[in-house]
Amino acid sequence: MTEHTARLERLEQELPDQGQTWRLRPVLEALQALRGVQCTVAVTTVAALGDLTRFENPRQRMRSLGFTPAEDSAGARRRQGGLTTAGNPQARRALLAGAWASRSPANVSRHLPRRLAKVPQPIQNIHGKAPVRLGTRYRHLSARGKNAHQVVVAIARALRAFLGAMAQEVPLTP
């Protein structure tokens, strides 16, 4: 256990250095402007899904992660089940980890202003909307009596939409 913990810490320290030469580095910096999306979550999501702007509509975005409900329909009967989990499991796990940060009220950490200073103004505008909307949605769904895991999946879906909007605003270098 100690050996695996040490290896994980070493890999987390090397991760930012490895991303410096990556073509999608500006996207990584933009995604880290959101609360709950640290370097590990951003790198995992972008590495697993590639260019986040390649999807034409939100349904395709959610399908790529397996965040769509399973359906068993016949005739007039329509039954929806749990998540299909047909998408990328690493990206889904990373987004779910980022979504858990929306449980608490939106406070600004000491690291977030430094990350925000590196990104353009349109991304800072999206950052301003995201914690308020995600936190409000979390509290609303929790107040309705939804299971905590269902609420976090709903927040992860909304977080994925914010990540896609941020990726649209980042100019990529060829």
N, C-alpha and C. Protein backbone atom coordinates (compact mmCIF):
# COMPACT_ATOMS: atom_id res chain seq x y z
N MET A 1 0.82 -1.19 0.00
CA MET A 1 0.00 0.00 0.00
C MET A 1 0.87 1.26 0.00
N THR A 2 1.92 1.25 0.81
CA THR A 2 2.82 2.39 0.87
C THR A 2 3.53 2.60 -0.46
N GLU A 3 3.91 1.51 -1.11
CA GLU A 3 4.57 1.59 -2.40
C GLU A 3 3.65 2.20 -3.46
N HIS A 4 2.39 1.80 -3.47
CA HIS A 4 1.44 2.34 -4.44
C HIS A 4 1.14 3.82 -4.15
N THR A 5 1.06 4.18 -2.90
CA THR A 5 0.83 5.58 -2.55
C THR A 5 2.00 6.44 -3.00
N ALA A 6 3.21 5.97 -2.79
CA ALA A 6 4.40 6.72 -3.21
C ALA A 6 4.43 6.84 -4.73
N ARG A 7 4.08 5.79 -5.43
CA ARG A 7 4.05 5.83 -6.90
C ARG A 7 3.01 6.82 -7.40
N LEU A 8 1.85 6.83 -6.78
CA LEU A 8 0.79 7.75 -7.15
C LEU A 8 1.21 9.20 -6.94
N GLU A 9 1.85 9.48 -5.81
CA GLU A 9 2.34 10.83 -5.55
C GLU A 9 3.38 11.25 -6.58
N ARG A 10 4.27 10.35 -6.94
CA ARG A 10 5.31 10.64 -7.94
C ARG A 10 4.68 10.93 -9.29
N LEU A 11 3.70 10.14 -9.69
CA LEU A 11 3.03 10.35 -10.97
C LEU A 11 2.26 11.67 -10.99
N GLU A 12 1.61 12.01 -9.88
CA GLU A 12 0.88 13.28 -9.81
C GLU A 12 1.81 14.47 -9.89
N GLN A 13 3.04 14.34 -9.42
CA GLN A 13 4.01 15.42 -9.52
C GLN A 13 4.55 15.54 -10.94
N GLU A 14 4.68 14.44 -11.66
CA GLU A 14 5.20 14.46 -13.02
C GLU A 14 4.15 14.87 -14.04
N LEU A 15 2.89 14.73 -13.72
CA LEU A 15 1.81 14.98 -14.67
C LEU A 15 1.82 16.40 -15.26
N PRO A 16 1.93 17.45 -14.46
CA PRO A 16 1.95 18.79 -15.06
C PRO A 16 3.14 19.01 -15.99
N ASP A 17 4.29 18.44 -15.67
CA ASP A 17 5.46 18.60 -16.52
C ASP A 17 5.28 17.92 -17.87
N GLN A 18 4.63 16.77 -17.88
CA GLN A 18 4.41 16.04 -19.12
C GLN A 18 3.43 16.76 -20.04
N GLY A 19 2.51 17.53 -19.47
CA GLY A 19 1.51 18.22 -20.27
C GLY A 19 2.00 19.50 -20.92
N GLN A 20 3.21 19.94 -20.60
CA GLN A 20 3.72 21.21 -21.14
C GLN A 20 3.89 21.19 -22.65
N THR A 21 4.22 20.06 -23.23
CA THR A 21 4.44 19.99 -24.68
C THR A 21 3.23 19.49 -25.44
N TRP A 22 2.15 19.23 -24.77
CA TRP A 22 0.97 18.68 -25.40
C TRP A 22 0.23 19.74 -26.20
N ARG A 23 -0.32 19.37 -27.35
CA ARG A 23 -1.06 20.28 -28.20
C ARG A 23 -2.31 20.81 -27.51
N LEU A 24 -2.90 20.02 -26.65
CA LEU A 24 -4.13 20.40 -25.95
C LEU A 24 -3.85 21.06 -24.59
N ARG A 25 -2.63 21.52 -24.37
CA ARG A 25 -2.28 22.16 -23.11
C ARG A 25 -3.15 23.37 -22.79
N PRO A 26 -3.48 24.26 -23.76
CA PRO A 26 -4.36 25.39 -23.43
C PRO A 26 -5.73 24.92 -22.92
N VAL A 27 -6.21 23.79 -23.43
CA VAL A 27 -7.50 23.26 -22.96
C VAL A 27 -7.36 22.79 -21.51
N LEU A 28 -6.24 22.15 -21.19
CA LEU A 28 -6.00 21.70 -19.81
C LEU A 28 -6.02 22.87 -18.84
N GLU A 29 -5.34 23.96 -19.21
CA GLU A 29 -5.29 25.13 -18.33
C GLU A 29 -6.68 25.74 -18.17
N ALA A 30 -7.46 25.75 -19.26
CA ALA A 30 -8.81 26.32 -19.18
C ALA A 30 -9.71 25.48 -18.29
N LEU A 31 -9.63 24.17 -18.42
CA LEU A 31 -10.51 23.29 -17.64
C LEU A 31 -10.20 23.37 -16.15
N GLN A 32 -8.95 23.64 -15.81
CA GLN A 32 -8.57 23.73 -14.40
C GLN A 32 -9.09 25.00 -13.74
N ALA A 33 -9.72 25.88 -14.50
CA ALA A 33 -10.32 27.07 -13.91
C ALA A 33 -11.58 26.73 -13.12
N LEU A 34 -12.14 25.56 -13.35
CA LEU A 34 -13.34 25.15 -12.60
C LEU A 34 -12.96 24.50 -11.28
N ARG A 35 -13.81 24.70 -10.31
CA ARG A 35 -13.62 24.09 -9.00
C ARG A 35 -13.86 22.59 -9.11
N GLY A 36 -12.99 21.80 -8.53
CA GLY A 36 -13.13 20.35 -8.58
C GLY A 36 -12.41 19.73 -9.76
N VAL A 37 -11.87 20.56 -10.65
CA VAL A 37 -11.15 20.05 -11.82
C VAL A 37 -9.69 20.45 -11.67
N GLN A 38 -8.94 19.59 -10.97
CA GLN A 38 -7.52 19.82 -10.83
C GLN A 38 -6.82 19.19 -12.03
N CYS A 39 -5.50 19.21 -11.99
CA CYS A 39 -4.71 18.72 -13.12
C CYS A 39 -5.05 17.28 -13.47
N THR A 40 -5.20 16.42 -12.48
CA THR A 40 -5.45 15.00 -12.74
C THR A 40 -6.78 14.80 -13.46
N VAL A 41 -7.82 15.49 -13.03
CA VAL A 41 -9.14 15.37 -13.66
C VAL A 41 -9.09 15.91 -15.08
N ALA A 42 -8.44 17.06 -15.28
CA ALA A 42 -8.37 17.67 -16.61
C ALA A 42 -7.60 16.78 -17.58
N VAL A 43 -6.45 16.29 -17.15
CA VAL A 43 -5.62 15.45 -18.03
C VAL A 43 -6.34 14.15 -18.36
N THR A 44 -6.95 13.54 -17.37
CA THR A 44 -7.66 12.28 -17.61
C THR A 44 -8.81 12.48 -18.59
N THR A 45 -9.58 13.54 -18.41
CA THR A 45 -10.72 13.79 -19.29
C THR A 45 -10.27 14.06 -20.72
N VAL A 46 -9.28 14.93 -20.88
CA VAL A 46 -8.83 15.28 -22.23
C VAL A 46 -8.10 14.10 -22.88
N ALA A 47 -7.32 13.36 -22.12
CA ALA A 47 -6.62 12.21 -22.69
C ALA A 47 -7.60 11.13 -23.12
N ALA A 48 -8.67 10.94 -22.36
CA ALA A 48 -9.63 9.89 -22.69
C ALA A 48 -10.56 10.29 -23.83
N LEU A 49 -10.94 11.56 -23.89
CA LEU A 49 -11.92 11.99 -24.89
C LEU A 49 -11.31 12.73 -26.06
N GLY A 50 -10.08 13.20 -25.95
CA GLY A 50 -9.46 13.94 -27.03
C GLY A 50 -10.02 15.35 -27.11
N ASP A 51 -10.21 15.83 -28.32
CA ASP A 51 -10.73 17.18 -28.53
C ASP A 51 -12.18 17.24 -28.08
N LEU A 52 -12.47 18.04 -27.08
CA LEU A 52 -13.81 18.10 -26.50
C LEU A 52 -14.80 18.84 -27.40
N THR A 53 -14.31 19.52 -28.44
CA THR A 53 -15.20 20.27 -29.33
C THR A 53 -15.68 19.43 -30.51
N ARG A 54 -15.29 18.20 -30.59
CA ARG A 54 -15.64 17.39 -31.76
C ARG A 54 -17.08 16.89 -31.75
N PHE A 55 -17.77 17.03 -30.64
CA PHE A 55 -19.15 16.56 -30.54
C PHE A 55 -20.10 17.63 -31.05
N GLU A 56 -21.10 17.22 -31.82
CA GLU A 56 -22.03 18.17 -32.41
C GLU A 56 -23.09 18.65 -31.43
N ASN A 57 -23.51 17.80 -30.52
CA ASN A 57 -24.55 18.19 -29.58
C ASN A 57 -24.29 17.56 -28.21
N PRO A 58 -25.00 18.04 -27.19
CA PRO A 58 -24.77 17.51 -25.83
C PRO A 58 -25.05 16.02 -25.67
N ARG A 59 -25.98 15.48 -26.45
CA ARG A 59 -26.26 14.05 -26.34
C ARG A 59 -25.05 13.22 -26.70
N GLN A 60 -24.33 13.63 -27.74
CA GLN A 60 -23.12 12.90 -28.12
C GLN A 60 -22.06 13.03 -27.04
N ARG A 61 -21.98 14.19 -26.41
CA ARG A 61 -21.02 14.36 -25.32
C ARG A 61 -21.31 13.40 -24.18
N MET A 62 -22.58 13.30 -23.80
CA MET A 62 -22.94 12.43 -22.68
C MET A 62 -22.79 10.96 -23.06
N ARG A 63 -23.07 10.64 -24.30
CA ARG A 63 -22.93 9.25 -24.76
C ARG A 63 -21.47 8.82 -24.72
N SER A 64 -20.54 9.74 -25.00
CA SER A 64 -19.12 9.40 -25.00
C SER A 64 -18.63 9.04 -23.60
N LEU A 65 -19.37 9.46 -22.58
CA LEU A 65 -18.98 9.17 -21.20
C LEU A 65 -19.82 8.08 -20.56
N GLY A 66 -20.91 7.68 -21.18
CA GLY A 66 -21.79 6.69 -20.58
C GLY A 66 -22.71 7.31 -19.55
N PHE A 67 -23.00 8.60 -19.71
CA PHE A 67 -23.89 9.30 -18.78
C PHE A 67 -25.32 9.35 -19.30
N THR A 68 -25.71 8.41 -20.14
CA THR A 68 -27.08 8.37 -20.64
C THR A 68 -27.80 7.19 -19.98
N PRO A 69 -29.10 7.34 -19.70
CA PRO A 69 -29.81 6.25 -19.03
C PRO A 69 -30.08 5.09 -19.99
N ALA A 70 -30.04 3.88 -19.46
CA ALA A 70 -30.41 2.70 -20.25
C ALA A 70 -31.92 2.73 -20.44
N GLU A 71 -32.35 2.21 -21.56
CA GLU A 71 -33.78 2.25 -21.84
C GLU A 71 -34.27 0.89 -22.32
N ASP A 72 -35.44 0.49 -21.83
CA ASP A 72 -36.09 -0.74 -22.24
C ASP A 72 -37.51 -0.37 -22.63
N SER A 73 -37.71 -0.14 -23.92
CA SER A 73 -39.01 0.34 -24.40
C SER A 73 -39.60 -0.64 -25.39
N ALA A 74 -40.90 -0.78 -25.31
CA ALA A 74 -41.63 -1.60 -26.27
C ALA A 74 -43.04 -1.02 -26.38
N GLY A 75 -43.42 -0.62 -27.57
CA GLY A 75 -44.74 -0.05 -27.76
C GLY A 75 -44.92 1.23 -26.98
N ALA A 76 -45.99 1.32 -26.21
CA ALA A 76 -46.27 2.53 -25.43
C ALA A 76 -45.52 2.54 -24.10
N ARG A 77 -44.95 1.42 -23.73
CA ARG A 77 -44.24 1.30 -22.46
C ARG A 77 -42.82 1.84 -22.61
N ARG A 78 -42.39 2.65 -21.66
CA ARG A 78 -41.03 3.20 -21.68
C ARG A 78 -40.45 3.09 -20.28
N ARG A 79 -39.36 2.36 -20.15
CA ARG A 79 -38.68 2.19 -18.87
C ARG A 79 -37.23 2.64 -19.00
N GLN A 80 -36.81 3.52 -18.10
CA GLN A 80 -35.43 3.94 -18.08
C GLN A 80 -34.73 3.33 -16.87
N GLY A 81 -33.52 2.89 -17.11
CA GLY A 81 -32.76 2.27 -16.04
C GLY A 81 -31.60 3.13 -15.61
N GLY A 82 -30.59 2.51 -15.07
CA GLY A 82 -29.40 3.22 -14.63
C GLY A 82 -28.54 3.64 -15.80
N LEU A 83 -27.36 4.12 -15.53
CA LEU A 83 -26.45 4.57 -16.57
C LEU A 83 -26.01 3.40 -17.44
N THR A 84 -25.79 3.70 -18.71
CA THR A 84 -25.35 2.64 -19.63
C THR A 84 -23.91 2.24 -19.37
N THR A 85 -23.10 3.16 -18.92
CA THR A 85 -21.67 2.97 -18.71
C THR A 85 -20.98 2.43 -19.96
N ALA A 86 -21.49 2.81 -21.12
CA ALA A 86 -20.90 2.36 -22.38
C ALA A 86 -19.75 3.26 -22.81
N GLY A 87 -19.58 4.38 -22.17
CA GLY A 87 -18.54 5.33 -22.55
C GLY A 87 -17.21 5.02 -21.89
N ASN A 88 -16.36 6.02 -21.87
CA ASN A 88 -15.02 5.87 -21.34
C ASN A 88 -15.04 5.87 -19.81
N PRO A 89 -14.63 4.79 -19.17
CA PRO A 89 -14.73 4.71 -17.71
C PRO A 89 -13.76 5.64 -16.97
N GLN A 90 -12.56 5.87 -17.54
CA GLN A 90 -11.60 6.74 -16.86
C GLN A 90 -12.10 8.18 -16.83
N ALA A 91 -12.62 8.66 -17.96
CA ALA A 91 -13.13 10.03 -18.01
C ALA A 91 -14.36 10.17 -17.12
N ARG A 92 -15.22 9.16 -17.10
CA ARG A 92 -16.42 9.21 -16.27
C ARG A 92 -16.03 9.27 -14.79
N ARG A 93 -15.07 8.45 -14.39
CA ARG A 93 -14.61 8.44 -13.00
C ARG A 93 -13.99 9.78 -12.62
N ALA A 94 -13.21 10.37 -13.52
CA ALA A 94 -12.58 11.67 -13.23
C ALA A 94 -13.63 12.76 -13.08
N LEU A 95 -14.64 12.77 -13.95
CA LEU A 95 -15.68 13.79 -13.84
C LEU A 95 -16.53 13.60 -12.59
N LEU A 96 -16.78 12.37 -12.22
CA LEU A 96 -17.52 12.13 -10.98
C LEU A 96 -16.72 12.63 -9.77
N ALA A 97 -15.42 12.44 -9.80
CA ALA A 97 -14.58 12.94 -8.71
C ALA A 97 -14.64 14.46 -8.66
N GLY A 98 -14.62 15.11 -9.82
CA GLY A 98 -14.73 16.56 -9.86
C GLY A 98 -16.10 17.06 -9.43
N ALA A 99 -17.13 16.27 -9.70
CA ALA A 99 -18.49 16.69 -9.35
C ALA A 99 -18.74 16.66 -7.85
N TRP A 100 -18.03 15.82 -7.12
CA TRP A 100 -18.21 15.77 -5.67
C TRP A 100 -17.84 17.10 -5.02
N ALA A 101 -17.02 17.91 -5.68
CA ALA A 101 -16.62 19.20 -5.12
C ALA A 101 -17.78 20.19 -5.07
N SER A 102 -18.85 19.94 -5.79
CA SER A 102 -19.99 20.86 -5.82
C SER A 102 -20.92 20.68 -4.64
N ARG A 103 -20.63 19.72 -3.78
CA ARG A 103 -21.49 19.51 -2.61
C ARG A 103 -21.41 20.66 -1.64
N SER A 104 -20.23 21.22 -1.47
CA SER A 104 -20.06 22.30 -0.50
C SER A 104 -20.28 23.65 -1.17
N PRO A 105 -20.60 24.68 -0.41
CA PRO A 105 -20.80 26.01 -0.99
C PRO A 105 -19.57 26.50 -1.74
N ALA A 106 -19.79 27.34 -2.72
CA ALA A 106 -18.71 27.81 -3.59
C ALA A 106 -17.79 28.77 -2.86
N ASN A 107 -16.66 28.26 -2.39
CA ASN A 107 -15.62 29.06 -1.78
C ASN A 107 -14.42 29.07 -2.71
N VAL A 108 -13.67 30.13 -2.70
CA VAL A 108 -12.50 30.24 -3.57
C VAL A 108 -11.28 29.77 -2.80
N SER A 109 -10.58 28.79 -3.36
CA SER A 109 -9.37 28.29 -2.72
C SER A 109 -8.21 29.24 -3.03
N ARG A 110 -7.08 28.98 -2.44
CA ARG A 110 -5.94 29.85 -2.71
C ARG A 110 -5.28 29.53 -4.04
N HIS A 111 -5.54 28.35 -4.59
CA HIS A 111 -4.95 27.95 -5.87
C HIS A 111 -5.76 28.45 -7.05
N LEU A 112 -7.05 28.58 -6.89
CA LEU A 112 -7.93 28.92 -8.00
C LEU A 112 -7.63 30.29 -8.63
N PRO A 113 -7.39 31.35 -7.87
CA PRO A 113 -7.07 32.63 -8.52
C PRO A 113 -5.82 32.56 -9.39
N ARG A 114 -4.83 31.77 -8.98
CA ARG A 114 -3.62 31.62 -9.81
C ARG A 114 -3.94 30.91 -11.11
N ARG A 115 -4.81 29.89 -11.06
CA ARG A 115 -5.19 29.18 -12.28
C ARG A 115 -6.05 30.08 -13.17
N LEU A 116 -6.90 30.90 -12.56
CA LEU A 116 -7.77 31.79 -13.34
C LEU A 116 -6.99 32.89 -14.05
N ALA A 117 -5.89 33.33 -13.47
CA ALA A 117 -5.10 34.40 -14.08
C ALA A 117 -4.49 33.98 -15.41
N LYS A 118 -4.35 32.69 -15.65
CA LYS A 118 -3.73 32.19 -16.88
C LYS A 118 -4.69 32.07 -18.05
N VAL A 119 -5.99 32.16 -17.81
CA VAL A 119 -6.97 31.88 -18.86
C VAL A 119 -7.62 33.16 -19.37
N PRO A 120 -8.13 33.15 -20.63
CA PRO A 120 -8.76 34.34 -21.19
C PRO A 120 -10.09 34.69 -20.50
N GLN A 121 -10.58 35.88 -20.76
CA GLN A 121 -11.78 36.40 -20.12
C GLN A 121 -13.03 35.56 -20.37
N PRO A 122 -13.29 35.05 -21.60
CA PRO A 122 -14.50 34.23 -21.77
C PRO A 122 -14.54 33.00 -20.86
N ILE A 123 -13.38 32.42 -20.61
CA ILE A 123 -13.33 31.26 -19.73
C ILE A 123 -13.55 31.68 -18.28
N GLN A 124 -13.06 32.84 -17.91
CA GLN A 124 -13.32 33.36 -16.56
C GLN A 124 -14.81 33.63 -16.37
N ASN A 125 -15.49 34.07 -17.43
CA ASN A 125 -16.94 34.29 -17.35
C ASN A 125 -17.68 32.98 -17.11
N ILE A 126 -17.27 31.93 -17.82
CA ILE A 126 -17.90 30.61 -17.63
C ILE A 126 -17.61 30.12 -16.21
N HIS A 127 -16.39 30.35 -15.74
CA HIS A 127 -16.04 29.96 -14.38
C HIS A 127 -16.94 30.64 -13.36
N GLY A 128 -17.31 31.87 -13.60
CA GLY A 128 -18.16 32.59 -12.67
C GLY A 128 -19.55 31.99 -12.55
N LYS A 129 -20.06 31.42 -13.64
CA LYS A 129 -21.40 30.84 -13.64
C LYS A 129 -21.42 29.42 -13.07
N ALA A 130 -20.38 28.66 -13.32
CA ALA A 130 -20.38 27.22 -13.03
C ALA A 130 -20.61 26.88 -11.56
N PRO A 131 -19.85 27.42 -10.61
CA PRO A 131 -20.05 26.97 -9.22
C PRO A 131 -21.43 27.30 -8.68
N VAL A 132 -21.95 28.43 -9.10
CA VAL A 132 -23.27 28.83 -8.62
C VAL A 132 -24.33 27.88 -9.17
N ARG A 133 -24.26 27.61 -10.47
CA ARG A 133 -25.26 26.73 -11.09
C ARG A 133 -25.14 25.30 -10.59
N LEU A 134 -23.92 24.79 -10.47
CA LEU A 134 -23.73 23.42 -10.02
C LEU A 134 -24.14 23.25 -8.56
N GLY A 135 -23.76 24.21 -7.71
CA GLY A 135 -24.13 24.14 -6.31
C GLY A 135 -25.63 24.24 -6.10
N THR A 136 -26.28 25.14 -6.87
CA THR A 136 -27.73 25.28 -6.76
C THR A 136 -28.42 24.00 -7.20
N ARG A 137 -27.93 23.42 -8.29
CA ARG A 137 -28.53 22.17 -8.78
C ARG A 137 -28.35 21.04 -7.76
N TYR A 138 -27.17 20.98 -7.14
CA TYR A 138 -26.92 19.94 -6.14
C TYR A 138 -27.89 20.09 -4.97
N ARG A 139 -28.01 21.29 -4.45
CA ARG A 139 -28.91 21.51 -3.31
C ARG A 139 -30.37 21.25 -3.67
N HIS A 140 -30.77 21.65 -4.88
CA HIS A 140 -32.15 21.44 -5.32
C HIS A 140 -32.48 19.95 -5.42
N LEU A 141 -31.60 19.18 -6.06
CA LEU A 141 -31.84 17.75 -6.20
C LEU A 141 -31.78 17.03 -4.86
N SER A 142 -30.88 17.45 -3.99
CA SER A 142 -30.80 16.84 -2.66
C SER A 142 -32.05 17.12 -1.85
N ALA A 143 -32.57 18.34 -1.97
CA ALA A 143 -33.78 18.72 -1.23
C ALA A 143 -34.99 17.92 -1.72
N ARG A 144 -34.97 17.50 -2.98
CA ARG A 144 -36.06 16.68 -3.51
C ARG A 144 -35.97 15.24 -3.05
N GLY A 145 -34.91 14.89 -2.34
CA GLY A 145 -34.78 13.55 -1.79
C GLY A 145 -34.07 12.57 -2.70
N LYS A 146 -33.37 13.05 -3.69
CA LYS A 146 -32.64 12.16 -4.59
C LYS A 146 -31.44 11.53 -3.86
N ASN A 147 -31.08 10.36 -4.29
CA ASN A 147 -29.91 9.65 -3.77
C ASN A 147 -28.67 10.49 -4.08
N ALA A 148 -27.70 10.52 -3.17
CA ALA A 148 -26.50 11.35 -3.34
C ALA A 148 -25.73 10.97 -4.60
N HIS A 149 -25.68 9.69 -4.94
CA HIS A 149 -24.96 9.26 -6.14
C HIS A 149 -25.67 9.71 -7.41
N GLN A 150 -27.00 9.70 -7.40
CA GLN A 150 -27.75 10.20 -8.56
C GLN A 150 -27.52 11.70 -8.72
N VAL A 151 -27.47 12.41 -7.63
CA VAL A 151 -27.24 13.85 -7.68
C VAL A 151 -25.86 14.14 -8.24
N VAL A 152 -24.86 13.40 -7.82
CA VAL A 152 -23.50 13.63 -8.30
C VAL A 152 -23.39 13.31 -9.79
N VAL A 153 -24.09 12.31 -10.27
CA VAL A 153 -24.09 12.02 -11.70
C VAL A 153 -24.72 13.17 -12.47
N ALA A 154 -25.80 13.73 -11.94
CA ALA A 154 -26.43 14.89 -12.59
C ALA A 154 -25.47 16.07 -12.60
N ILE A 155 -24.74 16.27 -11.53
CA ILE A 155 -23.76 17.36 -11.47
C ILE A 155 -22.61 17.09 -12.45
N ALA A 156 -22.18 15.84 -12.57
CA ALA A 156 -21.11 15.49 -13.51
C ALA A 156 -21.55 15.76 -14.95
N ARG A 157 -22.82 15.50 -15.25
CA ARG A 157 -23.33 15.80 -16.59
C ARG A 157 -23.28 17.31 -16.85
N ALA A 158 -23.68 18.09 -15.86
CA ALA A 158 -23.64 19.54 -16.01
C ALA A 158 -22.19 20.04 -16.08
N LEU A 159 -21.32 19.43 -15.30
CA LEU A 159 -19.90 19.79 -15.33
C LEU A 159 -19.32 19.51 -16.71
N ARG A 160 -19.71 18.40 -17.30
CA ARG A 160 -19.24 18.06 -18.65
C ARG A 160 -19.69 19.12 -19.65
N ALA A 161 -20.89 19.66 -19.48
CA ALA A 161 -21.37 20.72 -20.37
C ALA A 161 -20.51 21.98 -20.21
N PHE A 162 -20.14 22.31 -18.98
CA PHE A 162 -19.27 23.47 -18.76
C PHE A 162 -17.89 23.24 -19.36
N LEU A 163 -17.38 22.02 -19.25
CA LEU A 163 -16.07 21.72 -19.83
C LEU A 163 -16.11 21.86 -21.34
N GLY A 164 -17.20 21.41 -21.96
CA GLY A 164 -17.35 21.56 -23.41
C GLY A 164 -17.42 23.02 -23.82
N ALA A 165 -18.13 23.84 -23.04
CA ALA A 165 -18.23 25.27 -23.35
C ALA A 165 -16.86 25.94 -23.21
N MET A 166 -16.11 25.54 -22.20
CA MET A 166 -14.77 26.11 -22.04
C MET A 166 -13.84 25.71 -23.18
N ALA A 167 -13.93 24.46 -23.60
CA ALA A 167 -13.08 23.98 -24.68
C ALA A 167 -13.39 24.72 -25.98
N GLN A 168 -14.65 25.14 -26.17
CA GLN A 168 -15.02 25.90 -27.37
C GLN A 168 -14.33 27.25 -27.40
N GLU A 169 -14.03 27.81 -26.24
CA GLU A 169 -13.45 29.14 -26.16
C GLU A 169 -11.93 29.17 -26.27
N VAL A 170 -11.30 28.01 -26.25
CA VAL A 170 -9.83 27.96 -26.26
C VAL A 170 -9.33 27.81 -27.68
N PRO A 171 -8.47 28.73 -28.12
CA PRO A 171 -7.87 28.56 -29.45
C PRO A 171 -6.75 27.52 -29.37
N LEU A 172 -6.81 26.53 -30.24
CA LEU A 172 -5.79 25.48 -30.25
C LEU A 172 -4.72 25.80 -31.30
N THR A 173 -3.50 25.52 -30.96
CA THR A 173 -2.42 25.69 -31.91
C THR A 173 -2.23 24.37 -32.66
N PRO A 174 -2.01 24.42 -33.97
CA PRO A 174 -1.87 23.17 -34.75
C PRO A 174 -0.63 22.38 -34.42
